[in-house]
Amino acid sequence: MSNGILVICEHDGGVFKKTAFELLAKAKSLGSGSVTALVLGADSGAELGGYGADKVVTVAGDFASHLTGAYVKAVQGAIESLSPAVVLAAASSEAKDGLPRLAARLGLGLGTEVTELRADGGAVVGRRPVYAGKAFVEVQVSSSPALFTVRPNSFGIPTSTGASAPVASLGLSVGGGDALTSVVDTEAPSSTVADLTEAERIVSGGRSVKSQDGFDSLIRPLAASIGATPGASRACVDAGFAPHSAQVGQTGKTVNPSLYVAMGISGAIQHLAGMRTSKIIVAVNTDAEAPIFQHATYGIVADMFEVGPLLKQELEAALS
């Protein structure tokens, strides 16, 4: 009989990503039975008990190359061994590639990119945006297990209780023959800043940066002064001033930093939906009625091209 929730916990060289913590905590809050953390390519994870995992199961193998065949075999093996009622994964490139293939193979239903989960009559119901964030739909999967991918940073990350969870190997080993494809070459990203979904500090610019040069000369230096990741609104990206990988919002990336600095961003609902859980929000805008000020911890009504260099100067002095 299916029972409990299986959470696929992603890591980078054994260091767990924030998505692992938020998904475990959310799974625990649903009250749908025991919570099991699945760790691929590492034999550790006891600390996940502090975020809600009742136990941790591991699968040995080389998952660092992010090959779909290996991922699918490992998750399928975990499902067949543990018989969970629900499987949760972050909406990462691995899960978005692997879980649809697994769903087709096993005849399971899959809810993608959900931003909320709730328990309803013994089932887990997801909520996801549609029409570029202009509406939401509820998704209930009738199969068992029900598969869900969750947009990163949709839920808050609680402080660890310090508890440890027992760790056991699933007894399944994934080898090179399971990958179906092979890696010819790997090119590491040239950026030295954290990905938006993992960043603790973010400085974002809106369309009023006026050009790519404006973004590069204002947003990037200000972000660099505090070790932050540059971000952008959809309008800024659509205008070609910043790359899509920098887009924050309902149709971009959902973020959850300790500090979010919004430069020249009015605060449209689609953008707010992507950064509303930021712990401290600093907004700079010439429009005193801009919606962003209703959500900002600190607000400055001024020209960002005047405030930006001054703010950079003061931050560098404070951190030196």
Protein backbone atom coordinates (compact mmCIF):
# COMPACT_ATOMS: atom_id res chain seq x y z
CA MET A 1 0.00 0.00 0.00
CA SER A 2 1.34 3.43 -0.94
CA ASN A 3 2.18 5.66 1.99
CA GLY A 4 4.28 8.68 2.79
CA ILE A 5 6.17 11.19 0.70
CA LEU A 6 9.45 10.67 -1.14
CA VAL A 7 11.49 13.85 -1.63
CA ILE A 8 14.31 13.89 -4.18
CA CYS A 9 17.00 15.98 -2.49
CA GLU A 10 19.45 17.57 -4.89
CA HIS A 11 23.01 18.42 -3.91
CA ASP A 12 26.19 19.74 -5.43
CA GLY A 13 29.13 17.56 -4.45
CA GLY A 14 27.44 16.51 -1.23
CA VAL A 15 26.32 20.04 -0.30
CA PHE A 16 22.52 20.06 -0.32
CA LYS A 17 20.67 22.75 -2.21
CA LYS A 18 18.08 24.97 -0.55
CA THR A 19 15.36 23.17 -2.47
CA ALA A 20 16.05 19.99 -0.48
CA PHE A 21 15.35 21.77 2.79
CA GLU A 22 12.20 23.57 1.66
CA LEU A 23 10.67 20.46 0.09
CA LEU A 24 11.33 18.32 3.15
CA ALA A 25 9.81 20.91 5.47
CA LYS A 26 6.77 21.26 3.23
CA ALA A 27 6.37 17.49 2.94
CA LYS A 28 6.44 17.18 6.73
CA SER A 29 3.79 19.87 7.13
CA LEU A 30 1.37 18.02 4.84
CA GLY A 31 0.93 15.26 7.43
CA SER A 32 0.70 12.58 4.76
CA GLY A 33 2.78 9.92 6.47
CA SER A 34 6.52 9.46 6.80
CA VAL A 35 8.92 11.62 4.80
CA THR A 36 11.83 9.92 3.05
CA ALA A 37 14.71 11.82 1.48
CA LEU A 38 16.22 10.31 -1.67
CA VAL A 39 19.87 11.24 -2.27
CA LEU A 40 21.46 10.30 -5.59
CA GLY A 41 25.23 9.93 -5.89
CA ALA A 42 26.14 10.50 -2.23
CA ASP A 43 26.09 8.33 0.87
CA SER A 44 25.31 11.07 3.38
CA GLY A 45 22.32 13.15 4.41
CA ALA A 46 21.75 12.59 8.13
CA GLU A 47 21.39 16.37 8.58
CA LEU A 48 18.22 16.28 6.48
CA GLY A 49 16.47 14.99 9.58
CA GLY A 50 16.60 18.54 10.90
CA TYR A 51 14.32 19.67 8.08
CA GLY A 52 11.70 16.93 8.25
CA ALA A 53 13.18 13.72 6.84
CA ASP A 54 12.27 10.64 8.88
CA LYS A 55 14.86 8.62 6.98
CA VAL A 56 17.31 9.00 4.14
CA VAL A 57 17.93 6.49 1.36
CA THR A 58 20.86 6.75 -1.04
CA VAL A 59 21.63 5.40 -4.49
CA ALA A 60 25.24 4.89 -5.52
CA GLY A 61 26.44 5.93 -8.95
CA ASP A 62 27.73 8.81 -11.01
CA PHE A 63 24.97 11.39 -11.15
CA ALA A 64 27.26 14.39 -11.49
CA SER A 65 26.86 14.33 -15.28
CA HIS A 66 23.07 14.73 -14.94
CA LEU A 67 22.21 11.95 -17.37
CA THR A 68 18.50 11.26 -17.71
CA GLY A 69 18.70 7.46 -17.96
CA ALA A 70 20.57 7.12 -14.68
CA TYR A 71 18.22 9.54 -12.93
CA VAL A 72 15.12 7.71 -14.13
CA LYS A 73 16.43 4.29 -13.13
CA ALA A 74 17.34 5.49 -9.64
CA VAL A 75 14.01 7.21 -8.95
CA GLN A 76 12.07 4.27 -10.39
CA GLY A 77 14.00 1.91 -8.12
CA ALA A 78 13.19 4.08 -5.11
CA ILE A 79 9.50 4.15 -5.97
CA GLU A 80 9.33 0.39 -6.43
CA SER A 81 11.18 -0.22 -3.18
CA LEU A 82 9.44 2.33 -0.95
CA SER A 83 5.95 2.61 -2.49
CA PRO A 84 5.39 6.29 -1.65
CA ALA A 85 2.03 7.96 -2.21
CA VAL A 86 3.66 11.20 -3.39
CA VAL A 87 7.02 12.06 -4.96
CA LEU A 88 8.31 15.65 -4.77
CA ALA A 89 11.22 17.15 -6.68
CA ALA A 90 12.45 20.64 -7.36
CA ALA A 91 11.61 21.93 -10.84
CA SER A 92 15.27 21.68 -11.82
CA SER A 93 16.65 20.72 -15.20
CA GLU A 94 17.19 17.14 -13.99
CA ALA A 95 13.66 16.68 -12.69
CA LYS A 96 12.02 18.45 -15.63
CA ASP A 97 13.91 16.10 -17.94
CA GLY A 98 13.62 12.88 -15.95
CA LEU A 99 10.22 12.86 -14.27
CA PRO A 100 8.12 13.17 -17.46
CA ARG A 101 10.01 10.16 -18.85
CA LEU A 102 9.40 8.25 -15.62
CA ALA A 103 5.72 9.23 -15.58
CA ALA A 104 5.29 7.89 -19.11
CA ARG A 105 7.17 4.69 -18.30
CA LEU A 106 5.11 3.90 -15.18
CA GLY A 107 1.80 5.42 -16.28
CA LEU A 108 1.81 8.04 -13.53
CA GLY A 109 0.38 11.54 -13.36
CA LEU A 110 2.71 14.52 -13.05
CA GLY A 111 1.97 18.04 -11.80
CA THR A 112 4.71 20.44 -12.92
CA GLU A 113 6.01 23.78 -11.64
CA VAL A 114 3.63 23.94 -8.69
CA THR A 115 4.07 26.81 -6.27
CA GLU A 116 1.84 25.51 -3.47
CA LEU A 117 0.91 22.13 -2.01
CA ARG A 118 -1.85 21.22 0.44
CA ALA A 119 -3.42 18.09 1.84
CA ASP A 120 -7.06 17.52 0.95
CA GLY A 121 -8.94 14.40 2.00
CA GLY A 122 -5.86 12.23 2.07
CA ALA A 123 -4.59 13.52 -1.28
CA VAL A 124 -1.98 16.17 -2.04
CA VAL A 125 -3.18 19.00 -4.27
CA GLY A 126 -0.83 21.34 -6.11
CA ARG A 127 -1.37 24.88 -7.35
CA ARG A 128 0.45 26.25 -10.37
CA PRO A 129 0.42 29.45 -12.44
CA VAL A 130 -0.86 29.53 -16.02
CA TYR A 131 -1.11 32.22 -18.71
CA ALA A 132 2.16 33.87 -17.66
CA GLY A 133 1.04 34.08 -14.04
CA LYS A 134 -2.30 35.74 -14.75
CA ALA A 135 -4.26 32.79 -13.33
CA PHE A 136 -3.77 29.70 -11.16
CA VAL A 137 -5.07 26.16 -11.46
CA GLU A 138 -5.23 23.36 -8.91
CA VAL A 139 -3.70 20.02 -9.86
CA GLN A 140 -4.72 16.74 -8.25
CA VAL A 141 -3.03 13.58 -9.50
CA SER A 142 -5.10 10.40 -9.34
CA SER A 143 -2.22 7.95 -9.81
CA SER A 144 -0.18 6.47 -6.98
CA PRO A 145 2.37 7.73 -6.54
CA ALA A 146 1.51 11.24 -7.59
CA LEU A 147 4.50 13.10 -9.01
CA PHE A 148 5.06 16.83 -8.50
CA THR A 149 7.85 19.22 -9.44
CA VAL A 150 7.95 22.36 -7.30
CA ARG A 151 9.30 25.72 -8.39
CA PRO A 152 12.35 26.52 -6.21
CA ASN A 153 11.86 28.99 -3.35
CA SER A 154 8.08 28.61 -3.32
CA PHE A 155 8.19 27.81 0.41
CA GLY A 156 10.20 29.22 3.26
CA ILE A 157 13.16 27.32 4.67
CA PRO A 158 12.89 26.75 8.43
CA THR A 159 15.80 26.63 10.80
CA SER A 160 17.08 23.10 11.27
CA THR A 161 16.04 21.40 14.48
CA GLY A 162 19.42 19.68 14.58
CA ALA A 163 17.86 16.24 14.40
CA SER A 164 19.57 13.45 12.47
CA ALA A 165 17.85 10.94 10.23
CA PRO A 166 19.03 7.35 9.71
CA VAL A 167 20.80 6.84 6.38
CA ALA A 168 20.61 3.57 4.44
CA SER A 169 21.58 2.51 0.95
CA LEU A 170 18.74 1.51 -1.32
CA GLY A 171 20.84 -1.36 -2.61
CA LEU A 172 20.59 -0.10 -6.16
CA SER A 173 23.67 0.82 -8.13
CA VAL A 174 23.50 2.82 -11.32
CA GLY A 175 26.32 2.28 -13.81
CA GLY A 176 27.41 3.80 -17.08
CA GLY A 177 25.20 1.46 -19.10
CA ASP A 178 22.09 2.97 -17.50
CA ALA A 179 22.82 6.48 -18.74
CA LEU A 180 21.64 5.83 -22.35
CA THR A 181 23.75 8.80 -23.39
CA SER A 182 27.32 9.86 -22.74
CA VAL A 183 28.99 13.14 -21.86
CA VAL A 184 31.42 14.27 -24.54
CA ASP A 185 32.60 17.41 -22.79
CA THR A 186 31.69 19.64 -19.87
CA GLU A 187 32.01 23.41 -19.95
CA ALA A 188 31.83 25.11 -16.58
CA PRO A 189 29.96 28.41 -16.38
CA SER A 190 32.19 31.47 -16.42
CA SER A 191 30.11 33.25 -13.78
CA THR A 192 31.47 33.27 -10.25
CA VAL A 193 28.20 34.33 -8.61
CA ALA A 194 25.55 32.00 -7.24
CA ASP A 195 22.55 30.99 -9.32
CA LEU A 196 19.51 33.15 -8.62
CA THR A 197 17.62 30.27 -6.98
CA GLU A 198 20.50 29.71 -4.52
CA ALA A 199 21.62 33.31 -4.02
CA GLU A 200 21.51 34.93 -0.58
CA ARG A 201 21.78 38.45 -2.06
CA ILE A 202 20.25 39.72 -5.30
CA VAL A 203 20.31 43.12 -7.01
CA SER A 204 17.70 43.41 -9.77
CA GLY A 205 17.09 46.06 -12.41
CA GLY A 206 13.93 47.05 -14.26
CA ARG A 207 13.30 48.34 -17.77
CA SER A 208 14.28 51.84 -16.65
CA VAL A 209 17.97 50.83 -16.79
CA LYS A 210 17.32 51.93 -20.42
CA SER A 211 19.89 49.69 -22.12
CA GLN A 212 22.22 46.73 -21.72
CA ASP A 213 25.00 49.20 -20.98
CA GLY A 214 22.82 50.71 -18.26
CA PHE A 215 22.29 47.25 -16.73
CA ASP A 216 25.98 46.38 -16.96
CA SER A 217 27.18 49.70 -15.55
CA LEU A 218 24.63 50.04 -12.74
CA ILE A 219 23.24 46.66 -11.67
CA ARG A 220 26.29 44.44 -12.07
CA PRO A 221 28.75 46.68 -10.16
CA LEU A 222 26.27 47.24 -7.34
CA ALA A 223 25.68 43.50 -7.10
CA ALA A 224 29.42 42.79 -7.15
CA SER A 225 30.00 45.23 -4.28
CA ILE A 226 28.08 42.96 -1.89
CA GLY A 227 28.73 39.60 -3.51
CA ALA A 228 25.20 39.49 -4.91
CA THR A 229 23.74 37.91 -8.05
CA PRO A 230 22.37 40.28 -10.71
CA GLY A 231 18.67 39.85 -11.52
CA ALA A 232 16.14 41.54 -13.77
CA SER A 233 12.43 42.08 -14.27
CA ARG A 234 10.63 40.54 -17.23
CA ALA A 235 10.34 43.95 -18.88
CA CYS A 236 14.10 44.40 -18.62
CA VAL A 237 14.72 40.97 -20.15
CA ASP A 238 12.12 41.42 -22.89
CA ALA A 239 13.79 44.69 -23.86
CA GLY A 240 17.09 42.82 -24.30
CA PHE A 241 18.87 44.62 -21.48
CA ALA A 242 19.58 41.44 -19.47
CA PRO A 243 19.68 37.70 -20.25
CA HIS A 244 16.68 35.47 -19.58
CA SER A 245 18.72 33.55 -17.01
CA ALA A 246 18.56 36.70 -14.84
CA GLN A 247 14.77 37.02 -14.93
CA VAL A 248 13.02 37.05 -11.56
CA GLY A 249 9.27 36.57 -11.41
CA GLN A 250 6.34 34.33 -12.16
CA THR A 251 7.65 33.57 -15.66
CA GLY A 252 11.28 33.58 -14.59
CA LYS A 253 12.92 32.31 -11.42
CA THR A 254 11.42 32.35 -7.95
CA VAL A 255 14.00 33.52 -5.42
CA ASN A 256 14.28 33.61 -1.65
CA PRO A 257 17.35 35.67 -0.69
CA SER A 258 18.19 37.33 2.59
CA LEU A 259 18.51 40.63 0.72
CA TYR A 260 16.71 41.72 -2.47
CA VAL A 261 17.50 45.14 -3.95
CA ALA A 262 15.00 46.28 -6.60
CA MET A 263 16.36 49.11 -8.76
CA GLY A 264 13.76 50.81 -10.95
CA ILE A 265 11.25 47.96 -10.62
CA SER A 266 7.64 49.04 -10.19
CA GLY A 267 6.51 45.79 -8.58
CA ALA A 268 4.04 44.17 -10.96
CA ILE A 269 2.26 41.20 -9.42
CA GLN A 270 4.16 38.76 -11.64
CA HIS A 271 7.48 40.08 -10.35
CA LEU A 272 6.35 40.18 -6.73
CA ALA A 273 5.29 36.54 -6.99
CA GLY A 274 8.88 35.62 -7.74
CA MET A 275 10.57 37.43 -4.84
CA ARG A 276 7.91 38.00 -2.18
CA THR A 277 9.58 35.66 0.34
CA SER A 278 12.81 37.71 0.39
CA LYS A 279 13.71 38.51 3.99
CA ILE A 280 14.75 42.14 3.39
CA ILE A 281 13.61 44.12 0.33
CA VAL A 282 15.18 47.45 -0.62
CA ALA A 283 13.41 49.38 -3.37
CA VAL A 284 14.63 52.39 -5.34
CA ASN A 285 12.14 54.06 -7.68
CA THR A 286 11.24 57.57 -8.75
CA ASP A 287 7.51 56.79 -8.46
CA ALA A 288 6.43 57.12 -4.84
CA GLU A 289 3.21 55.21 -5.70
CA ALA A 290 5.01 52.20 -7.18
CA PRO A 291 3.54 48.92 -5.80
CA ILE A 292 7.01 47.69 -4.82
CA PHE A 293 7.05 50.14 -1.89
CA GLN A 294 4.10 48.35 -0.30
CA HIS A 295 6.29 45.27 0.10
CA ALA A 296 9.68 46.90 0.69
CA THR A 297 11.46 46.84 4.02
CA TYR A 298 13.27 50.03 3.00
CA GLY A 299 12.26 52.37 0.18
CA ILE A 300 14.09 55.22 -1.54
CA VAL A 301 12.14 57.57 -3.82
CA ALA A 302 14.91 58.75 -6.12
CA ASP A 303 16.67 58.21 -9.45
CA MET A 304 18.42 54.84 -9.31
CA PHE A 305 21.28 56.19 -11.48
CA GLU A 306 22.02 58.69 -8.72
CA VAL A 307 21.40 56.38 -5.78
CA GLY A 308 23.16 53.32 -7.22
CA PRO A 309 26.75 54.64 -7.22
CA LEU A 310 26.30 56.18 -3.76
CA LEU A 311 24.87 52.94 -2.42
CA LYS A 312 27.75 50.98 -3.96
CA GLN A 313 30.27 53.33 -2.39
CA GLU A 314 28.73 53.07 1.07
CA LEU A 315 28.36 49.28 0.89
CA GLU A 316 31.98 48.83 -0.17
CA ALA A 317 33.13 51.06 2.69
CA ALA A 318 30.97 49.16 5.19
CA LEU A 319 32.29 45.79 4.05
CA SER A 320 35.96 46.79 3.77
